Protein backbone atom coordinates (compact mmCIF):
# COMPACT_ATOMS: atom_id res chain seq x y z
CA ALA A 1 12.27 -9.90 -17.42
CA ASP A 2 13.39 -9.81 -20.56
CA ALA A 3 12.74 -5.92 -21.32
CA ALA A 4 14.78 -4.97 -17.93
CA ARG A 5 17.90 -7.26 -19.28
CA ARG A 6 17.92 -5.27 -22.75
CA GLY A 7 16.97 -1.93 -21.16
CA ASP A 8 14.19 -1.31 -23.18
CA VAL A 9 12.22 1.05 -20.78
CA GLU A 10 9.43 2.07 -22.74
CA THR A 11 8.35 -1.54 -22.26
CA LEU A 12 8.53 -1.51 -18.49
CA LYS A 13 6.87 1.64 -18.30
CA ALA A 14 3.80 0.08 -19.97
CA PHE A 15 4.15 -2.89 -17.72
CA GLU A 16 4.34 -0.39 -14.49
CA GLY A 17 1.33 2.01 -15.85
CA TRP A 18 -1.07 -1.65 -16.46
CA HIS A 19 -0.28 -3.18 -13.31
CA ALA A 20 -0.94 0.11 -11.51
CA GLU A 21 -4.41 0.58 -13.44
CA GLU A 22 -5.18 -3.09 -12.36
CA GLN A 23 -4.66 -2.66 -8.96
CA ALA A 24 -6.21 0.20 -8.59
CA ALA A 25 -9.58 -2.00 -10.25
CA CYS A 26 -9.29 -4.02 -6.85
CA PRO A 27 -11.09 -4.13 -4.10
CA ALA A 28 -9.25 -2.53 -1.63
CA PRO A 29 -7.99 -4.94 1.21
CA ALA A 30 -9.17 -5.34 4.79
CA PRO A 31 -7.40 -3.27 7.14
CA SER A 32 -6.04 -5.49 9.70
CA ARG A 33 -6.50 -3.19 12.54
CA PRO A 34 -9.47 -0.61 12.81
CA LEU A 35 -8.87 3.08 12.16
CA ALA A 36 -8.02 4.19 15.65
CA ALA A 37 -5.56 2.04 15.55
CA TYR A 38 -3.58 3.07 12.57
CA ALA A 39 -4.11 6.52 13.11
CA GLN A 40 -2.22 6.48 16.61
CA ILE A 41 0.93 4.41 14.52
CA ALA A 42 0.63 7.66 12.02
CA ALA A 43 0.29 10.10 14.66
CA ALA A 44 3.57 8.55 16.47
CA LEU A 45 5.78 8.44 13.39
CA GLN A 46 4.66 12.08 12.37
CA ALA A 47 5.93 12.75 15.64
CA GLY A 48 9.20 10.85 14.74
CA ALA A 49 8.89 7.69 16.74
CA VAL A 50 10.94 5.34 15.09
CA PRO A 51 8.91 3.56 12.84
CA LEU A 52 10.65 -0.30 13.93
CA VAL A 53 9.71 0.58 17.80
CA VAL A 54 6.19 1.75 16.77
CA CYS A 55 5.59 -1.65 14.69
CA ALA A 56 6.86 -3.62 17.61
CA GLU A 57 4.60 -1.81 19.71
CA ALA A 58 1.83 -1.92 17.85
CA GLY A 59 2.58 -5.93 17.24
CA LEU A 60 3.46 -5.26 13.71
CA THR A 61 5.97 -6.24 11.25
CA LEU A 62 7.15 -3.40 9.15
CA PRO A 63 5.74 -5.41 5.53
CA GLU A 64 2.42 -5.58 7.97
CA PHE A 65 2.66 -2.17 8.72
CA PHE A 66 2.63 -1.34 4.91
CA ALA A 67 -0.18 -3.51 4.27
CA LEU A 68 -2.26 -1.66 7.07
CA GLN A 69 -1.21 1.63 5.45
CA ALA A 70 -2.03 0.88 1.59
CA ALA A 71 -5.20 -0.63 2.88
CA TRP A 72 -6.25 2.35 4.78
CA THR A 73 -4.88 4.86 2.43
CA ARG A 74 -7.03 3.48 -0.68
CA ARG A 75 -10.26 3.79 1.72
CA LEU A 76 -9.14 7.59 3.05
CA LEU A 77 -9.01 8.60 -0.43
CA ALA A 78 -12.07 7.10 -1.24
CA ASP A 79 -14.03 8.74 1.41
CA PRO A 80 -13.63 12.34 2.38
CA ALA A 81 -15.25 11.27 5.73
CA LEU A 82 -13.71 8.84 6.93
CA HIS A 83 -10.45 10.80 5.88
CA GLU A 84 -11.69 13.89 7.76
CA GLU A 85 -12.16 11.11 11.06
CA TYR A 86 -8.86 9.90 10.41
CA SER A 87 -7.22 13.90 10.14
CA ARG A 88 -9.23 14.44 13.83
CA LEU A 89 -7.83 10.86 15.18
CA VAL A 90 -4.59 11.60 14.87
CA GLU A 91 -4.88 15.44 15.86
CA SER A 92 -6.22 13.83 19.01
CA ALA A 93 -3.49 11.67 19.18
CA LEU A 94 -0.53 14.46 18.75
CA SER A 95 -2.03 16.82 21.23
CA GLY A 96 -2.92 14.35 23.67
């Protein structure tokens, strides 16, 4: 906080980098919804649906959606086969 008040950008950048490294080292949190449900939400958003409406229909608050997105994003980046399955689910939802 003192660094921010002083405008010490280098200290803030160093802290931000350290924080990102520490978060990356932690195991990904468990998603609150299965992959198929997350893919349905993602497809609706990609199709241009209003995010708050999509979240409400899925029974999620916006912060809960962001947590779900973060959980699945980490898993999808770490597992190419899972990412492929996700892509298929999204495409299916968009086309069907």
